[in-house]
C-alpha cells in the first residue's frame, strides 16, 4: 500500500500564497486614488453647500450628503496614509 502524501507544514519553505496589499506599496497609485476620493468628497460637499447657500432648508438629506462627503474625504486620507501597510509584526 503506498504512503499517503504529507500535508504542507507551513514552514518558511512552503509555497502558500500570502495576501498582497491592495496597492502593493505603489505611492502614485495611492496618491491618485486617494486624491480622487478627497476631490469627490469636496464635490459632494459643495453640492450640499450650494443648496444651503441658496437659502434652502437644511434637511436630513443635506446632513446625510455632508456626512457622506466627510466619509469620502476620510477614506481618501486613509488610502494615502496607508496605516495598515505600516504595521510592524512582532
C-alpha atoms as a PDB file:
ATOM      1  CA  UNK A   1       0.000   0.000   0.000  1.00  0.00           C
ATOM      2  CA  UNK A   2       1.526   3.430  -0.990  1.00  0.00           C
ATOM      3  CA  UNK A   3       2.114   6.011   1.735  1.00  0.00           C
ATOM      4  CA  UNK A   4      -0.238   8.995   1.878  1.00  0.00           C
ATOM      5  CA  UNK A   5       1.285  12.323   0.769  1.00  0.00           C
ATOM      6  CA  UNK A   6       2.254  14.604   3.623  1.00  0.00           C
ATOM      7  CA  UNK A   7       0.401  17.863   4.176  1.00  0.00           C
ATOM      8  CA  UNK A   8       2.451  21.091   3.977  1.00  0.00           C
ATOM      9  CA  UNK A   9       3.713  22.148   7.370  1.00  0.00           C
ATOM     10  CA  UNK A  10       3.562  25.884   6.681  1.00  0.00           C
ATOM     11  CA  UNK A  11       7.261  26.445   7.332  1.00  0.00           C
ATOM     12  CA  UNK A  12       9.495  29.010   5.689  1.00  0.00           C
ATOM     13  CA  UNK A  13       9.815  26.924   2.529  1.00  0.00           C
ATOM     14  CA  UNK A  14       6.071  26.428   1.978  1.00  0.00           C
ATOM     15  CA  UNK A  15       4.570  27.752  -1.223  1.00  0.00           C
ATOM     16  CA  UNK A  16       1.395  29.090   0.383  1.00  0.00           C
ATOM     17  CA  UNK A  17       0.462  32.416  -1.169  1.00  0.00           C
ATOM     18  CA  UNK A  18       0.315  35.362   1.212  1.00  0.00           C
ATOM     19  CA  UNK A  19      -2.325  38.051   0.675  1.00  0.00           C
ATOM     20  CA  UNK A  20      -0.803  41.035  -1.077  1.00  0.00           C
ATOM     21  CA  UNK A  21      -1.655  44.622  -0.159  1.00  0.00           C
ATOM     22  CA  UNK A  22      -4.222  46.370  -2.338  1.00  0.00           C
ATOM     23  CA  UNK A  23      -1.871  48.878  -3.963  1.00  0.00           C
ATOM     24  CA  UNK A  24       1.359  46.902  -3.368  1.00  0.00           C
ATOM     25  CA  UNK A  25       3.154  49.928  -1.943  1.00  0.00           C
ATOM     26  CA  UNK A  26       2.703  51.947  -5.129  1.00  0.00           C
ATOM     27  CA  UNK A  27       2.882  55.567  -3.948  1.00  0.00           C
ATOM     28  CA  UNK A  28       1.474  57.055  -7.162  1.00  0.00           C
ATOM     29  CA  UNK A  29      -1.481  54.629  -7.141  1.00  0.00           C
ATOM     30  CA  UNK A  30      -2.327  55.562  -3.556  1.00  0.00           C
ATOM     31  CA  UNK A  31      -1.930  59.264  -4.293  1.00  0.00           C
ATOM     32  CA  UNK A  32      -4.154  59.213  -7.382  1.00  0.00           C
ATOM     33  CA  UNK A  33      -6.945  57.116  -5.864  1.00  0.00           C
ATOM     34  CA  UNK A  34      -6.819  58.902  -2.503  1.00  0.00           C
ATOM     35  CA  UNK A  35      -6.799  62.286  -4.204  1.00  0.00           C
ATOM     36  CA  UNK A  36      -9.756  61.243  -6.313  1.00  0.00           C
ATOM     37  CA  UNK A  37     -11.696  60.259  -3.194  1.00  0.00           C
ATOM     38  CA  UNK A  38     -10.855  63.562  -1.500  1.00  0.00           C
ATOM     39  CA  UNK A  39     -11.910  65.534  -4.586  1.00  0.00           C
ATOM     40  CA  UNK A  40     -15.150  63.580  -4.893  1.00  0.00           C
ATOM     41  CA  UNK A  41     -15.851  64.320  -1.228  1.00  0.00           C
ATOM     42  CA  UNK A  42     -15.260  68.016  -1.926  1.00  0.00           C
ATOM     43  CA  UNK A  43     -17.642  67.861  -4.903  1.00  0.00           C
ATOM     44  CA  UNK A  44     -20.406  66.245  -2.843  1.00  0.00           C
ATOM     45  CA  UNK A  45     -19.829  68.763  -0.031  1.00  0.00           C
ATOM     46  CA  UNK A  46     -20.025  71.729  -2.416  1.00  0.00           C
ATOM     47  CA  UNK A  47     -23.282  70.394  -3.877  1.00  0.00           C
ATOM     48  CA  UNK A  48     -24.756  70.284  -0.362  1.00  0.00           C
ATOM     49  CA  UNK A  49     -23.415  73.765   0.431  1.00  0.00           C
ATOM     50  CA  UNK A  50     -24.964  75.131  -2.758  1.00  0.00           C
ATOM     51  CA  UNK A  51     -28.415  74.145  -1.537  1.00  0.00           C
ATOM     52  CA  UNK A  52     -27.832  75.830   1.818  1.00  0.00           C
ATOM     53  CA  UNK A  53     -26.277  78.941   0.221  1.00  0.00           C
ATOM     54  CA  UNK A  54     -29.334  79.464  -1.962  1.00  0.00           C
ATOM     55  CA  UNK A  55     -31.464  79.695   1.164  1.00  0.00           C
ATOM     56  CA  UNK A  56     -32.886  76.187   1.075  1.00  0.00           C
ATOM     57  CA  UNK A  57     -33.793  74.454   4.285  1.00  0.00           C
ATOM     58  CA  UNK A  58     -31.256  72.183   5.930  1.00  0.00           C
ATOM     59  CA  UNK A  59     -32.954  68.822   5.663  1.00  0.00           C
ATOM     60  CA  UNK A  60     -31.872  65.366   6.740  1.00  0.00           C
ATOM     61  CA  UNK A  61     -30.849  64.717   3.126  1.00  0.00           C
ATOM     62  CA  UNK A  62     -28.421  67.647   3.214  1.00  0.00           C
ATOM     63  CA  UNK A  63     -26.971  66.445   6.510  1.00  0.00           C
ATOM     64  CA  UNK A  64     -26.583  62.922   5.056  1.00  0.00           C
ATOM     65  CA  UNK A  65     -24.881  64.396   1.991  1.00  0.00           C
ATOM     66  CA  UNK A  66     -22.373  66.323   4.124  1.00  0.00           C
ATOM     67  CA  UNK A  67     -21.727  63.220   6.244  1.00  0.00           C
ATOM     68  CA  UNK A  68     -21.144  61.162   3.096  1.00  0.00           C
ATOM     69  CA  UNK A  69     -18.760  63.837   1.780  1.00  0.00           C
ATOM     70  CA  UNK A  70     -16.775  63.772   5.026  1.00  0.00           C
ATOM     71  CA  UNK A  71     -16.517  59.979   4.930  1.00  0.00           C
ATOM     72  CA  UNK A  72     -15.326  60.062   1.297  1.00  0.00           C
ATOM     73  CA  UNK A  73     -12.603  62.544   2.219  1.00  0.00           C
ATOM     74  CA  UNK A  74     -11.606  60.489   5.277  1.00  0.00           C
ATOM     75  CA  UNK A  75     -11.397  57.358   3.129  1.00  0.00           C
ATOM     76  CA  UNK A  76      -9.118  59.233   0.739  1.00  0.00           C
ATOM     77  CA  UNK A  77      -6.826  60.249   3.589  1.00  0.00           C
ATOM     78  CA  UNK A  78      -6.674  56.648   4.809  1.00  0.00           C
ATOM     79  CA  UNK A  79      -5.781  55.394   1.320  1.00  0.00           C
ATOM     80  CA  UNK A  80      -2.973  57.943   1.028  1.00  0.00           C
ATOM     81  CA  UNK A  81      -1.644  57.400   4.569  1.00  0.00           C
ATOM     82  CA  UNK A  82      -1.850  53.568   4.303  1.00  0.00           C
ATOM     83  CA  UNK A  83      -1.805  52.876   8.069  1.00  0.00           C
ATOM     84  CA  UNK A  84      -2.281  49.100   7.651  1.00  0.00           C
ATOM     85  CA  UNK A  85       0.747  48.739   5.387  1.00  0.00           C
ATOM     86  CA  UNK A  86       2.971  50.398   8.007  1.00  0.00           C
ATOM     87  CA  UNK A  87       2.098  47.981  10.826  1.00  0.00           C
ATOM     88  CA  UNK A  88       5.027  46.001  12.197  1.00  0.00           C
ATOM     89  CA  UNK A  89       4.544  42.369  13.154  1.00  0.00           C
ATOM     90  CA  UNK A  90       6.093  41.490  16.488  1.00  0.00           C
END
